[in-house]
Amino acid sequence: MESYLVWGLGLMAVALILVIVDVFLPTFGILSITSLVVGIAGVIGLFYYSTAWGLVGSLLLVVGGPSVL
């Protein structure tokens, strides 16, 4: 059960790193799409752990994702 939390937070961190790398490399949006898919997978993992963690993760993805750019 705890592994869903670890995987969810890890995937959210990877999604954040991919967005930051996409700003500096000319990947024509491939890393942005990949970070979106990884972020959604992280949110799904957080929802498997608990609804509260899933809501926090989805809020971070919706609000925090565009603010990085």
N, C-alpha and C. Protein backbone atom coordinates (compact mmCIF):
# COMPACT_ATOMS: atom_id res chain seq x y z
N MET A 1 0.82 -1.19 0.00
CA MET A 1 0.00 0.00 0.00
C MET A 1 0.87 1.26 0.00
N GLU A 2 1.93 1.25 0.74
CA GLU A 2 2.82 2.41 0.78
C GLU A 2 3.55 2.60 -0.55
N SER A 3 3.67 1.52 -1.32
CA SER A 3 4.40 1.64 -2.58
C SER A 3 3.67 2.55 -3.56
N TYR A 4 2.33 2.61 -3.49
CA TYR A 4 1.60 3.52 -4.36
C TYR A 4 1.95 4.97 -4.07
N LEU A 5 2.13 5.30 -2.79
CA LEU A 5 2.51 6.66 -2.42
C LEU A 5 3.90 6.99 -2.93
N VAL A 6 4.83 6.07 -2.76
CA VAL A 6 6.21 6.30 -3.21
C VAL A 6 6.25 6.43 -4.73
N TRP A 7 5.56 5.54 -5.44
CA TRP A 7 5.53 5.61 -6.90
C TRP A 7 4.84 6.88 -7.37
N GLY A 8 3.76 7.25 -6.74
CA GLY A 8 3.04 8.45 -7.14
C GLY A 8 3.87 9.70 -6.96
N LEU A 9 4.51 9.84 -5.81
CA LEU A 9 5.35 11.01 -5.58
C LEU A 9 6.57 11.01 -6.48
N GLY A 10 7.13 9.83 -6.71
CA GLY A 10 8.29 9.72 -7.60
C GLY A 10 7.94 10.11 -9.03
N LEU A 11 6.80 9.66 -9.51
CA LEU A 11 6.39 10.01 -10.86
C LEU A 11 6.06 11.50 -10.98
N MET A 12 5.49 12.07 -9.94
CA MET A 12 5.24 13.51 -9.97
C MET A 12 6.56 14.30 -10.02
N ALA A 13 7.56 13.82 -9.29
CA ALA A 13 8.87 14.47 -9.32
C ALA A 13 9.52 14.34 -10.70
N VAL A 14 9.39 13.17 -11.31
CA VAL A 14 9.93 12.98 -12.66
C VAL A 14 9.22 13.89 -13.65
N ALA A 15 7.92 14.05 -13.51
CA ALA A 15 7.17 14.94 -14.40
C ALA A 15 7.65 16.38 -14.25
N LEU A 16 7.93 16.80 -13.03
CA LEU A 16 8.44 18.16 -12.81
C LEU A 16 9.82 18.33 -13.44
N ILE A 17 10.67 17.35 -13.29
CA ILE A 17 12.01 17.42 -13.89
C ILE A 17 11.92 17.47 -15.41
N LEU A 18 11.01 16.69 -16.00
CA LEU A 18 10.85 16.70 -17.45
C LEU A 18 10.37 18.05 -17.96
N VAL A 19 9.48 18.70 -17.22
CA VAL A 19 9.02 20.03 -17.63
C VAL A 19 10.16 21.03 -17.57
N ILE A 20 10.97 20.97 -16.54
CA ILE A 20 12.10 21.89 -16.41
C ILE A 20 13.12 21.65 -17.52
N VAL A 21 13.40 20.38 -17.85
CA VAL A 21 14.35 20.07 -18.91
C VAL A 21 13.79 20.52 -20.26
N ASP A 22 12.47 20.42 -20.44
CA ASP A 22 11.85 20.81 -21.70
C ASP A 22 12.01 22.30 -21.97
N VAL A 23 12.13 23.10 -20.94
CA VAL A 23 12.32 24.53 -21.12
C VAL A 23 13.67 24.82 -21.77
N PHE A 24 14.68 24.02 -21.45
CA PHE A 24 16.04 24.28 -21.91
C PHE A 24 16.44 23.52 -23.17
N LEU A 25 15.70 22.48 -23.54
CA LEU A 25 16.04 21.69 -24.72
C LEU A 25 14.97 21.84 -25.79
N PRO A 26 15.37 21.92 -27.05
CA PRO A 26 14.37 22.03 -28.12
C PRO A 26 13.83 20.66 -28.52
N THR A 27 12.87 20.15 -27.76
CA THR A 27 12.32 18.82 -28.04
C THR A 27 10.97 18.89 -28.75
N PHE A 28 10.54 20.10 -29.10
CA PHE A 28 9.32 20.32 -29.87
C PHE A 28 8.09 19.72 -29.19
N GLY A 29 8.07 19.75 -27.86
CA GLY A 29 6.89 19.33 -27.10
C GLY A 29 6.84 17.87 -26.72
N ILE A 30 7.83 17.09 -27.14
CA ILE A 30 7.81 15.67 -26.81
C ILE A 30 7.96 15.46 -25.31
N LEU A 31 8.86 16.21 -24.69
CA LEU A 31 9.03 16.09 -23.24
C LEU A 31 7.82 16.64 -22.49
N SER A 32 7.16 17.62 -23.04
CA SER A 32 5.95 18.14 -22.38
C SER A 32 4.85 17.10 -22.36
N ILE A 33 4.65 16.42 -23.48
CA ILE A 33 3.63 15.37 -23.53
C ILE A 33 4.01 14.22 -22.62
N THR A 34 5.30 13.86 -22.61
CA THR A 34 5.77 12.79 -21.73
C THR A 34 5.58 13.15 -20.27
N SER A 35 5.87 14.40 -19.91
CA SER A 35 5.70 14.82 -18.52
C SER A 35 4.22 14.82 -18.13
N LEU A 36 3.34 15.15 -19.07
CA LEU A 36 1.91 15.10 -18.78
C LEU A 36 1.45 13.67 -18.52
N VAL A 37 1.91 12.74 -19.34
CA VAL A 37 1.55 11.33 -19.16
C VAL A 37 2.11 10.80 -17.84
N VAL A 38 3.36 11.14 -17.53
CA VAL A 38 3.97 10.69 -16.28
C VAL A 38 3.27 11.32 -15.08
N GLY A 39 2.89 12.59 -15.20
CA GLY A 39 2.17 13.26 -14.12
C GLY A 39 0.81 12.63 -13.87
N ILE A 40 0.10 12.28 -14.94
CA ILE A 40 -1.20 11.62 -14.77
C ILE A 40 -1.02 10.25 -14.13
N ALA A 41 0.02 9.54 -14.53
CA ALA A 41 0.30 8.23 -13.90
C ALA A 41 0.61 8.41 -12.42
N GLY A 42 1.32 9.48 -12.06
CA GLY A 42 1.59 9.76 -10.66
C GLY A 42 0.34 10.07 -9.87
N VAL A 43 -0.57 10.82 -10.47
CA VAL A 43 -1.84 11.14 -9.81
C VAL A 43 -2.66 9.87 -9.61
N ILE A 44 -2.66 8.99 -10.60
CA ILE A 44 -3.38 7.72 -10.46
C ILE A 44 -2.80 6.90 -9.31
N GLY A 45 -1.48 6.88 -9.20
CA GLY A 45 -0.84 6.18 -8.08
C GLY A 45 -1.21 6.79 -6.74
N LEU A 46 -1.30 8.11 -6.70
CA LEU A 46 -1.69 8.77 -5.45
C LEU A 46 -3.15 8.49 -5.11
N PHE A 47 -4.01 8.40 -6.11
CA PHE A 47 -5.41 8.05 -5.85
C PHE A 47 -5.53 6.61 -5.36
N TYR A 48 -4.67 5.72 -5.85
CA TYR A 48 -4.70 4.35 -5.34
C TYR A 48 -4.33 4.31 -3.86
N TYR A 49 -3.43 5.24 -3.44
CA TYR A 49 -3.04 5.28 -2.03
C TYR A 49 -4.17 5.84 -1.18
N SER A 50 -4.65 7.04 -1.51
CA SER A 50 -5.79 7.61 -0.80
C SER A 50 -6.38 8.74 -1.65
N THR A 51 -7.63 9.04 -1.38
CA THR A 51 -8.31 10.09 -2.13
C THR A 51 -7.72 11.47 -1.83
N ALA A 52 -7.33 11.69 -0.60
CA ALA A 52 -6.76 12.99 -0.23
C ALA A 52 -5.45 13.24 -0.97
N TRP A 53 -4.58 12.23 -1.00
CA TRP A 53 -3.31 12.37 -1.73
C TRP A 53 -3.57 12.56 -3.22
N GLY A 54 -4.56 11.87 -3.76
CA GLY A 54 -4.89 12.02 -5.17
C GLY A 54 -5.38 13.41 -5.51
N LEU A 55 -6.19 13.99 -4.62
CA LEU A 55 -6.67 15.34 -4.86
C LEU A 55 -5.54 16.36 -4.77
N VAL A 56 -4.64 16.17 -3.82
CA VAL A 56 -3.48 17.07 -3.72
C VAL A 56 -2.60 16.94 -4.96
N GLY A 57 -2.38 15.72 -5.41
CA GLY A 57 -1.56 15.50 -6.60
C GLY A 57 -2.19 16.10 -7.85
N SER A 58 -3.49 15.94 -8.00
CA SER A 58 -4.15 16.51 -9.17
C SER A 58 -4.17 18.03 -9.11
N LEU A 59 -4.30 18.59 -7.91
CA LEU A 59 -4.22 20.04 -7.75
C LEU A 59 -2.83 20.55 -8.13
N LEU A 60 -1.80 19.84 -7.69
CA LEU A 60 -0.44 20.22 -8.06
C LEU A 60 -0.22 20.12 -9.56
N LEU A 61 -0.78 19.10 -10.18
CA LEU A 61 -0.60 18.93 -11.62
C LEU A 61 -1.33 20.01 -12.40
N VAL A 62 -2.54 20.35 -11.98
CA VAL A 62 -3.33 21.34 -12.73
C VAL A 62 -2.85 22.75 -12.48
N VAL A 63 -2.51 23.09 -11.23
CA VAL A 63 -2.12 24.45 -10.90
C VAL A 63 -0.61 24.64 -11.00
N GLY A 64 0.14 23.68 -10.48
CA GLY A 64 1.60 23.83 -10.46
C GLY A 64 2.28 23.58 -11.78
N GLY A 65 1.69 22.73 -12.62
CA GLY A 65 2.31 22.40 -13.89
C GLY A 65 2.45 23.61 -14.81
N PRO A 66 1.38 24.32 -15.10
CA PRO A 66 1.50 25.50 -15.97
C PRO A 66 2.30 26.64 -15.33
N SER A 67 2.33 26.72 -14.02
CA SER A 67 3.07 27.82 -13.40
C SER A 67 4.58 27.62 -13.48
N VAL A 68 5.04 26.40 -13.75
CA VAL A 68 6.48 26.16 -13.93
C VAL A 68 6.95 26.83 -15.20
N LEU A 69 6.11 26.80 -16.21
CA LEU A 69 6.48 27.41 -17.49
C LEU A 69 6.39 28.90 -17.40
